[in-house]
N, C-alpha and C. Protein backbone atom coordinates (compact mmCIF):
# COMPACT_ATOMS: atom_id res chain seq x y z
N MET A 1 -46.48 -51.48 -65.65
CA MET A 1 -45.93 -51.56 -66.47
C MET A 1 -46.68 -50.94 -67.73
N MET A 2 -45.76 -50.19 -68.14
CA MET A 2 -46.83 -50.28 -70.20
C MET A 2 -46.76 -51.26 -70.63
N GLN A 3 -47.83 -51.45 -71.90
CA GLN A 3 -47.47 -52.87 -72.94
C GLN A 3 -47.13 -52.65 -73.98
N THR A 4 -46.58 -53.78 -74.46
CA THR A 4 -45.80 -53.90 -75.50
C THR A 4 -46.02 -52.02 -76.55
N GLU A 5 -47.53 -52.40 -77.30
CA GLU A 5 -47.86 -51.53 -78.18
C GLU A 5 -47.62 -50.25 -77.50
N GLU A 6 -47.83 -49.38 -76.58
CA GLU A 6 -47.56 -48.17 -75.82
C GLU A 6 -46.12 -47.78 -75.18
N ILE A 7 -45.28 -49.04 -75.20
CA ILE A 7 -44.04 -48.82 -75.16
C ILE A 7 -43.57 -48.43 -76.55
N LEU A 8 -43.78 -48.68 -77.83
CA LEU A 8 -43.68 -48.62 -78.60
C LEU A 8 -43.87 -47.14 -79.57
N ARG A 9 -45.22 -46.69 -79.75
CA ARG A 9 -45.32 -45.41 -79.44
C ARG A 9 -44.76 -44.75 -78.84
N SER A 10 -44.69 -45.13 -77.63
CA SER A 10 -43.94 -43.78 -76.77
C SER A 10 -42.64 -43.26 -77.32
N VAL A 11 -42.28 -44.53 -77.40
CA VAL A 11 -40.34 -44.38 -77.98
C VAL A 11 -40.38 -44.18 -79.44
N GLU A 12 -41.22 -44.62 -80.25
CA GLU A 12 -41.16 -43.62 -81.28
C GLU A 12 -41.66 -42.04 -81.87
N GLY A 13 -42.49 -41.92 -80.79
CA GLY A 13 -42.25 -40.59 -80.29
C GLY A 13 -41.68 -39.54 -79.87
N ALA A 14 -40.89 -40.33 -78.93
CA ALA A 14 -39.34 -39.67 -78.30
C ALA A 14 -38.42 -39.70 -79.23
N PHE A 15 -38.26 -40.52 -80.34
CA PHE A 15 -37.34 -40.46 -81.82
C PHE A 15 -37.59 -39.05 -82.83
N ALA A 16 -39.23 -39.41 -82.47
CA ALA A 16 -39.74 -38.31 -83.67
C ALA A 16 -39.48 -36.73 -83.21
N SER A 17 -39.34 -36.47 -81.91
CA SER A 17 -38.79 -35.22 -81.16
C SER A 17 -37.83 -35.58 -81.36
N GLU A 18 -37.09 -36.03 -80.99
CA GLU A 18 -35.33 -35.54 -80.76
C GLU A 18 -35.12 -35.39 -82.24
N LEU A 19 -35.59 -36.52 -83.35
CA LEU A 19 -35.71 -35.79 -85.10
C LEU A 19 -35.70 -34.55 -85.47
N ASP A 20 -36.63 -34.17 -85.05
CA ASP A 20 -37.58 -32.62 -85.28
C ASP A 20 -36.43 -31.71 -84.66
N LEU A 21 -35.99 -31.84 -82.72
CA LEU A 21 -34.77 -30.76 -82.75
C LEU A 21 -33.84 -30.83 -83.61
N TYR A 22 -33.11 -31.56 -83.67
CA TYR A 22 -31.77 -32.11 -84.55
C TYR A 22 -32.09 -31.48 -86.02
N ARG A 23 -33.30 -31.79 -86.59
CA ARG A 23 -33.12 -30.85 -87.66
C ARG A 23 -33.73 -29.34 -87.38
N GLN A 24 -34.29 -28.85 -86.35
CA GLN A 24 -33.84 -27.48 -86.52
C GLN A 24 -32.59 -27.04 -86.17
N LEU A 25 -31.43 -27.60 -85.52
CA LEU A 25 -30.32 -28.16 -85.34
C LEU A 25 -30.29 -27.60 -86.58
N GLU A 26 -29.93 -28.70 -87.34
CA GLU A 26 -29.46 -28.67 -88.56
C GLU A 26 -29.60 -27.11 -89.42
N THR A 27 -31.20 -26.71 -89.36
CA THR A 27 -31.42 -25.46 -90.42
C THR A 27 -30.30 -24.36 -89.45
N LEU A 28 -30.22 -24.06 -88.23
CA LEU A 28 -29.39 -22.71 -87.61
C LEU A 28 -27.95 -23.38 -88.32
N SER A 29 -27.21 -24.38 -88.04
CA SER A 29 -26.36 -24.81 -88.32
C SER A 29 -26.06 -24.13 -89.89
N VAL A 30 -27.03 -24.16 -90.88
CA VAL A 30 -26.89 -23.99 -91.83
C VAL A 30 -26.80 -22.75 -92.30
N ARG A 31 -27.41 -22.16 -91.29
CA ARG A 31 -27.41 -20.62 -91.49
C ARG A 31 -26.20 -19.66 -90.96
N GLN A 32 -25.99 -20.61 -89.39
CA GLN A 32 -24.69 -20.34 -89.08
C GLN A 32 -23.54 -19.83 -90.43
N LEU A 33 -23.14 -21.44 -91.21
CA LEU A 33 -22.39 -21.25 -92.46
C LEU A 33 -22.66 -20.43 -92.89
N ASP A 34 -23.73 -20.33 -93.67
CA ASP A 34 -24.35 -19.06 -95.00
C ASP A 34 -23.18 -17.57 -94.05
N VAL A 35 -23.52 -17.87 -92.34
CA VAL A 35 -23.00 -15.91 -92.30
C VAL A 35 -21.92 -16.25 -92.07
N LEU A 36 -21.08 -17.11 -91.89
CA LEU A 36 -19.99 -17.09 -91.78
C LEU A 36 -19.07 -17.26 -93.00
N ASN A 37 -19.72 -17.74 -94.46
CA ASN A 37 -19.10 -17.94 -95.60
C ASN A 37 -19.06 -16.34 -96.19
N GLN A 38 -19.99 -15.07 -95.54
CA GLN A 38 -19.82 -13.78 -96.63
C GLN A 38 -18.40 -13.21 -96.46
N GLU A 39 -18.30 -12.36 -97.46
CA GLU A 39 -17.17 -12.14 -97.45
C GLU A 39 -16.86 -10.87 -95.83
N HIS A 40 -17.62 -10.52 -95.40
CA HIS A 40 -17.51 -9.75 -94.17
C HIS A 40 -18.92 -10.06 -93.03
N PRO A 41 -18.36 -11.40 -92.28
CA PRO A 41 -19.66 -11.77 -91.69
C PRO A 41 -20.37 -11.55 -90.36
N ASP A 42 -21.50 -11.04 -90.15
CA ASP A 42 -21.78 -10.31 -88.92
C ASP A 42 -21.97 -10.91 -88.10
N ILE A 43 -21.06 -11.01 -87.10
CA ILE A 43 -20.67 -11.67 -86.18
C ILE A 43 -21.54 -11.98 -84.43
N ASP A 44 -22.25 -10.67 -84.73
CA ASP A 44 -23.21 -10.83 -83.81
C ASP A 44 -24.45 -11.57 -83.98
N LEU A 45 -24.62 -11.75 -85.43
CA LEU A 45 -25.49 -12.30 -85.73
C LEU A 45 -25.38 -13.90 -85.47
N VAL A 46 -23.97 -14.49 -85.87
CA VAL A 46 -23.51 -15.63 -85.15
C VAL A 46 -23.46 -16.11 -84.27
N VAL A 47 -23.15 -15.04 -83.18
CA VAL A 47 -23.51 -15.39 -81.88
C VAL A 47 -24.43 -15.81 -81.31
N GLU A 48 -25.62 -14.93 -81.74
CA GLU A 48 -27.27 -14.99 -81.96
C GLU A 48 -28.04 -16.53 -82.33
N ILE A 49 -27.57 -16.80 -83.10
CA ILE A 49 -27.62 -18.20 -83.96
C ILE A 49 -26.56 -19.31 -82.51
N MET A 50 -25.72 -19.14 -82.06
CA MET A 50 -25.20 -19.58 -81.67
C MET A 50 -25.72 -20.15 -80.36
N ARG A 51 -26.64 -19.04 -79.78
CA ARG A 51 -27.13 -19.02 -78.42
C ARG A 51 -28.63 -19.83 -78.42
N SER A 52 -28.91 -19.87 -79.76
CA SER A 52 -30.60 -20.42 -80.47
C SER A 52 -29.74 -22.00 -80.39
N LYS A 53 -28.79 -22.22 -80.84
CA LYS A 53 -27.96 -23.72 -80.89
C LYS A 53 -28.22 -24.64 -79.65
N ASN A 54 -27.21 -23.08 -78.49
CA ASN A 54 -27.21 -24.00 -77.25
C ASN A 54 -28.72 -24.28 -77.03
N GLU A 55 -29.32 -23.31 -76.89
CA GLU A 55 -30.97 -23.88 -76.47
C GLU A 55 -31.26 -25.05 -76.65
N LEU A 56 -30.90 -25.48 -78.18
CA LEU A 56 -31.74 -26.48 -79.24
C LEU A 56 -30.93 -27.64 -78.34
N VAL A 57 -29.71 -27.64 -77.64
CA VAL A 57 -28.73 -28.47 -77.32
C VAL A 57 -29.27 -28.53 -75.38
N LEU A 58 -29.71 -27.82 -74.87
CA LEU A 58 -30.37 -27.95 -74.00
C LEU A 58 -31.93 -28.52 -74.02
N ARG A 59 -32.22 -28.14 -74.75
CA ARG A 59 -33.74 -28.75 -74.90
C ARG A 59 -33.31 -30.20 -75.25
N LEU A 60 -32.33 -30.79 -76.33
CA LEU A 60 -32.20 -32.10 -76.67
C LEU A 60 -31.86 -33.04 -75.32
N SER A 61 -30.39 -32.38 -74.73
CA SER A 61 -30.40 -33.13 -73.28
C SER A 61 -31.36 -33.23 -72.08
N GLU A 62 -32.59 -32.56 -71.92
CA GLU A 62 -33.61 -32.78 -71.31
C GLU A 62 -34.53 -33.97 -72.12
N LEU A 63 -34.82 -33.49 -73.03
CA LEU A 63 -34.94 -34.62 -74.16
C LEU A 63 -35.04 -35.76 -73.63
N GLU A 64 -33.65 -36.21 -73.97
CA GLU A 64 -32.53 -37.45 -73.76
C GLU A 64 -33.00 -37.79 -72.27
N ARG A 65 -32.69 -37.01 -71.11
CA ARG A 65 -33.04 -37.44 -69.59
C ARG A 65 -34.67 -38.07 -69.58
N THR A 66 -35.62 -37.39 -69.94
CA THR A 66 -37.19 -37.84 -69.81
C THR A 66 -36.81 -39.17 -70.88
N ASN A 67 -36.68 -39.52 -71.68
CA ASN A 67 -37.03 -40.51 -72.25
C ASN A 67 -35.75 -41.33 -72.06
N SER A 68 -35.21 -41.12 -71.63
CA SER A 68 -34.21 -42.56 -71.07
C SER A 68 -34.94 -43.77 -70.24
N PRO A 69 -35.80 -43.45 -69.23
CA PRO A 69 -36.43 -44.78 -69.06
C PRO A 69 -37.37 -45.60 -70.07
N LEU A 70 -37.98 -44.48 -71.23
CA LEU A 70 -38.44 -45.29 -72.18
C LEU A 70 -37.96 -46.37 -72.66
N LYS A 71 -36.46 -45.66 -73.64
CA LYS A 71 -35.77 -46.29 -73.96
C LYS A 71 -35.40 -47.74 -73.51
N LYS A 72 -35.35 -47.31 -72.02
CA LYS A 72 -34.85 -48.89 -71.12
C LYS A 72 -35.69 -49.67 -71.33
N GLN A 73 -36.78 -49.27 -71.03
CA GLN A 73 -38.14 -50.08 -71.50
C GLN A 73 -38.39 -51.18 -72.82
N TYR A 74 -37.91 -50.39 -74.09
CA TYR A 74 -37.99 -50.59 -75.20
C TYR A 74 -36.85 -51.74 -75.44
N GLU A 75 -35.78 -51.56 -74.91
CA GLU A 75 -34.46 -52.50 -74.80
C GLU A 75 -34.99 -53.64 -74.04
N LYS A 76 -35.61 -53.92 -72.98
CA LYS A 76 -36.17 -54.96 -72.38
C LYS A 76 -37.46 -55.73 -73.63
N ILE A 77 -38.31 -55.18 -74.08
CA ILE A 77 -38.72 -55.42 -75.02
C ILE A 77 -38.71 -56.05 -76.46
N ARG A 78 -37.57 -55.67 -76.93
CA ARG A 78 -37.32 -55.50 -78.08
C ARG A 78 -36.89 -57.20 -79.23
N GLU A 79 -36.86 -57.91 -77.71
CA GLU A 79 -36.39 -58.91 -78.64
C GLU A 79 -38.14 -59.59 -79.00
N THR A 80 -38.89 -59.51 -78.34
CA THR A 80 -40.32 -59.98 -78.20
C THR A 80 -40.96 -59.09 -79.54
N ILE A 81 -41.05 -58.39 -79.91
CA ILE A 81 -41.35 -57.47 -80.79
C ILE A 81 -41.44 -58.00 -82.66
N SER A 82 -42.12 -57.30 -82.85
CA SER A 82 -42.18 -57.84 -84.88
C SER A 82 -40.75 -56.90 -85.01
N GLU A 83 -40.73 -58.11 -86.75
CA GLU A 83 -39.36 -57.11 -87.45
C GLU A 83 -39.90 -55.55 -88.21
N ALA A 84 -41.06 -55.95 -88.17
CA ALA A 84 -41.79 -54.43 -88.72
C ALA A 84 -42.28 -53.40 -87.60
N GLN A 85 -42.10 -53.61 -86.74
CA GLN A 85 -42.12 -53.15 -85.45
C GLN A 85 -41.00 -52.40 -85.38
N LYS A 86 -39.77 -53.42 -85.32
CA LYS A 86 -38.38 -53.16 -85.00
C LYS A 86 -38.06 -51.91 -86.57
N GLN A 87 -38.22 -52.58 -87.34
CA GLN A 87 -37.38 -51.36 -88.78
C GLN A 87 -38.31 -49.87 -88.75
N THR A 88 -39.21 -49.64 -88.17
CA THR A 88 -39.54 -48.31 -87.76
C THR A 88 -38.76 -47.45 -87.11
N LEU A 89 -38.11 -48.36 -85.99
CA LEU A 89 -37.67 -47.82 -84.67
C LEU A 89 -36.17 -47.31 -85.12
N LEU A 90 -36.08 -48.48 -86.12
CA LEU A 90 -34.39 -48.70 -87.00
C LEU A 90 -34.26 -47.86 -87.64
N ASP A 91 -35.86 -46.96 -88.54
CA ASP A 91 -35.50 -46.35 -90.02
C ASP A 91 -35.32 -44.60 -88.91
N LEU A 92 -36.03 -44.79 -87.92
CA LEU A 92 -35.94 -43.45 -87.06
C LEU A 92 -34.49 -42.76 -86.56
N ARG A 93 -34.04 -43.98 -85.79
CA ARG A 93 -32.48 -44.46 -85.75
C ARG A 93 -30.99 -43.81 -86.59
N ALA A 94 -31.68 -44.92 -87.99
CA ALA A 94 -30.76 -44.33 -89.02
C ALA A 94 -30.75 -42.82 -89.46
N GLN A 95 -31.95 -42.13 -89.44
CA GLN A 95 -31.81 -41.04 -89.49
C GLN A 95 -31.21 -39.86 -89.01
N LEU A 96 -31.81 -40.23 -87.31
CA LEU A 96 -31.24 -39.95 -86.35
C LEU A 96 -29.61 -39.45 -86.46
N ASN A 97 -28.79 -40.78 -87.18
CA ASN A 97 -27.44 -40.87 -86.85
C ASN A 97 -27.11 -40.26 -87.88
N GLU A 98 -27.59 -40.46 -89.32
CA GLU A 98 -27.59 -39.59 -90.79
C GLU A 98 -27.03 -37.79 -90.14
N LEU A 99 -28.26 -37.65 -89.74
CA LEU A 99 -28.35 -36.04 -89.23
C LEU A 99 -27.20 -35.64 -88.70
N LEU A 100 -26.85 -36.38 -87.27
CA LEU A 100 -26.14 -36.81 -86.49
C LEU A 100 -24.28 -36.55 -87.03
N ALA A 101 -24.05 -37.17 -88.10
CA ALA A 101 -22.97 -37.48 -88.45
C ALA A 101 -23.17 -35.78 -89.71
N LYS A 102 -24.31 -35.37 -90.02
CA LYS A 102 -23.57 -34.32 -90.80
C LYS A 102 -23.84 -32.85 -90.22
N LEU A 103 -24.31 -33.08 -89.03
CA LEU A 103 -24.63 -31.82 -87.72
C LEU A 103 -22.47 -31.60 -87.30
N LEU A 104 -22.42 -33.25 -86.90
CA LEU A 104 -20.97 -32.94 -86.99
C LEU A 104 -19.89 -32.21 -88.18
N ASP A 105 -20.16 -32.57 -89.54
CA ASP A 105 -19.47 -31.83 -90.31
C ASP A 105 -19.66 -30.86 -90.47
N MET A 106 -20.89 -30.03 -90.42
CA MET A 106 -21.39 -28.58 -90.11
C MET A 106 -20.21 -27.70 -88.88
N GLU A 107 -20.26 -28.47 -88.19
CA GLU A 107 -19.87 -28.17 -86.88
C GLU A 107 -18.26 -27.88 -87.11
N LYS A 108 -17.73 -28.70 -87.84
CA LYS A 108 -16.41 -28.50 -88.01
C LYS A 108 -15.96 -27.84 -89.08
N SER A 109 -16.90 -27.46 -90.27
CA SER A 109 -16.54 -26.43 -90.90
C SER A 109 -16.67 -25.13 -90.48
N GLY A 110 -18.04 -25.10 -89.49
CA GLY A 110 -18.22 -23.77 -89.01
C GLY A 110 -17.27 -22.86 -88.02
N GLU A 111 -15.84 -24.26 -86.94
CA GLU A 111 -15.46 -23.56 -86.24
C GLU A 111 -13.94 -23.74 -87.29
N GLU A 112 -13.66 -24.03 -88.31
CA GLU A 112 -12.56 -23.79 -89.28
C GLU A 112 -12.49 -22.40 -89.48
N ARG A 113 -14.10 -22.01 -90.37
CA ARG A 113 -14.60 -20.78 -90.60
C ARG A 113 -14.33 -19.61 -89.71
N MET A 114 -14.99 -19.92 -88.33
CA MET A 114 -14.80 -19.03 -87.20
C MET A 114 -13.40 -18.76 -86.86
N LYS A 115 -12.49 -19.97 -87.18
CA LYS A 115 -10.91 -19.45 -86.75
C LYS A 115 -10.54 -18.46 -87.75
N ALA A 116 -10.53 -18.68 -89.13
CA ALA A 116 -10.20 -17.86 -90.28
C ALA A 116 -10.59 -16.33 -90.16
N CYS A 117 -12.18 -16.33 -89.51
CA CYS A 117 -12.39 -15.13 -88.85
C CYS A 117 -11.91 -14.39 -88.23
N GLY A 118 -11.36 -14.94 -87.52
CA GLY A 118 -10.57 -14.46 -85.91
C GLY A 118 -9.67 -14.02 -86.23
N LYS A 119 -8.88 -14.91 -87.33
CA LYS A 119 -7.66 -14.46 -88.04
C LYS A 119 -7.61 -12.97 -88.91
N GLU A 120 -8.68 -13.01 -89.65
CA GLU A 120 -8.92 -11.70 -90.54
C GLU A 120 -9.62 -10.82 -89.87
N ILE A 121 -9.68 -10.70 -88.78
CA ILE A 121 -10.21 -9.82 -87.62
C ILE A 121 -8.75 -9.02 -87.04
N GLU A 122 -8.12 -10.21 -86.22
CA GLU A 122 -6.88 -10.12 -85.92
C GLU A 122 -5.77 -9.59 -86.71
N ASN A 123 -6.02 -9.59 -87.95
CA ASN A 123 -5.30 -8.84 -88.89
C ASN A 123 -5.77 -7.62 -89.01
N ARG A 124 -6.98 -7.39 -88.92
CA ARG A 124 -7.63 -5.27 -89.23
C ARG A 124 -7.51 -5.12 -88.34
N LEU A 125 -7.37 -5.46 -86.65
CA LEU A 125 -7.27 -4.93 -86.00
C LEU A 125 -5.80 -4.19 -85.89
N LYS A 126 -4.86 -5.38 -86.00
CA LYS A 126 -3.17 -4.73 -86.25
C LYS A 126 -2.69 -3.35 -87.12
N GLN A 127 -3.76 -3.69 -88.58
CA GLN A 127 -3.41 -2.71 -89.25
C GLN A 127 -4.11 -1.13 -88.73
N ILE A 128 -5.07 -1.38 -87.69
CA ILE A 128 -5.75 0.05 -87.15
C ILE A 128 -4.65 0.42 -86.18
N GLN A 129 -4.22 -0.56 -85.53
CA GLN A 129 -3.43 -0.15 -84.36
C GLN A 129 -2.29 0.77 -84.90
N THR A 130 -1.34 0.04 -86.45
CA THR A 130 -0.67 0.08 -87.32
C THR A 130 -0.65 1.74 -87.53
N THR A 131 -2.29 2.18 -88.34
CA THR A 131 -2.09 3.16 -88.62
C THR A 131 -2.61 3.98 -87.34
N ARG A 132 -2.63 4.21 -86.15
CA ARG A 132 -3.21 4.86 -85.44
C ARG A 132 -2.19 5.08 -84.78
N LYS A 133 -0.86 4.18 -84.40
CA LYS A 133 0.67 4.64 -84.32
C LYS A 133 0.99 5.66 -84.99
N ALA A 134 1.10 5.21 -86.46
CA ALA A 134 1.82 6.41 -87.47
C ALA A 134 1.10 7.27 -87.14
N ARG A 135 -0.08 8.18 -87.00
CA ARG A 135 -0.96 8.63 -87.00
C ARG A 135 -0.89 9.59 -85.88
N HIS A 136 -0.20 8.87 -84.56
CA HIS A 136 -0.05 9.59 -83.46
C HIS A 136 1.41 10.01 -83.72
N ALA A 137 2.24 9.40 -83.87
CA ALA A 137 3.71 9.42 -84.39
C ALA A 137 3.95 11.11 -85.59
N TYR A 138 3.40 10.69 -86.40
CA TYR A 138 3.07 12.15 -87.35
C TYR A 138 2.24 13.71 -86.34
N ASN A 139 1.16 13.23 -85.82
CA ASN A 139 0.87 14.29 -85.50
C ASN A 139 1.71 14.84 -84.21
N ALA A 140 2.05 14.24 -83.78
CA ALA A 140 3.08 14.43 -82.23
C ALA A 140 4.13 15.00 -82.74
N TYR A 141 4.99 14.94 -84.01
CA TYR A 141 5.74 15.47 -85.05
C TYR A 141 5.38 17.06 -85.22
N ALA A 142 4.50 16.62 -85.79
CA ALA A 142 3.90 18.04 -86.50
C ALA A 142 3.73 19.21 -85.21
N ARG A 143 3.04 18.70 -84.22
CA ARG A 143 2.43 19.81 -83.31
C ARG A 143 3.93 20.38 -82.78
N GLN A 144 5.19 19.92 -82.67
CA GLN A 144 6.22 19.94 -81.81
C GLN A 144 6.05 21.36 -81.96
N ALA A 145 6.08 22.54 -80.89
CA ALA A 145 6.21 24.06 -81.07
C ALA A 145 8.05 23.78 -80.80
N THR A 146 8.60 23.98 -82.54
CA THR A 146 10.08 24.43 -82.17
C THR A 146 10.37 25.82 -82.33
N PRO A 147 11.02 26.97 -81.98
CA PRO A 147 11.57 27.91 -81.67
C PRO A 147 12.08 28.13 -83.06
N PRO A 148 11.79 29.39 -83.55
CA PRO A 148 12.15 29.47 -84.65
C PRO A 148 13.56 30.01 -84.73
N ARG A 149 14.20 29.81 -86.28
CA ARG A 149 15.53 29.56 -86.03
C ARG A 149 16.32 30.87 -86.28
N PHE A 150 15.27 31.79 -86.51
CA PHE A 150 15.28 33.32 -87.06
C PHE A 150 14.94 34.26 -86.28
N PHE A 151 15.21 35.08 -85.85
CA PHE A 151 14.73 36.10 -85.23
C PHE A 151 14.42 37.49 -85.51
N ASP A 152 13.75 38.32 -85.68
CA ASP A 152 13.59 39.26 -86.69
C ASP A 152 13.49 40.24 -85.66
N LYS A 153 14.82 41.29 -85.55
CA LYS A 153 15.30 41.96 -84.47
C LYS A 153 15.40 43.10 -84.69
N ARG A 154 14.38 43.85 -85.84
CA ARG A 154 13.83 44.66 -85.91
C ARG A 154 12.62 45.47 -85.58
N LYS A 155 11.86 44.74 -84.69
CA LYS A 155 10.59 44.98 -83.91
C LYS A 155 10.79 45.99 -83.18
């Protein structure tokens, strides 16, 4: 079994790694919101940002899975360590929780903005379809070959 100091350093490193990935996720979320709040958002860029965010989430899941045994060991020794040692980890957890709350708010805003963008795109597509139908109807009428009403019999 690992020594107490070694466990504490490992858990602190695990929290710091998670915090780093969550900060990267925050940076991508801010960028995504900036793009979505433009007058005409670049949907391809939003999709690329979302892919990057998904990769980070997968990395976070893997990190959580690998750090789970360390955190269990920490829980076993938590009562035996000093308050100063606990405080370092509590500060890291507080930063993680604050960042998670911020990320949740940004995700809600992003979701609302994506829905609004979807409605805008839907409206534009309807306008395009209506315009096409009108052009098609007009062009079909204009192209109809109607026989002349009067014939020149002098020919």
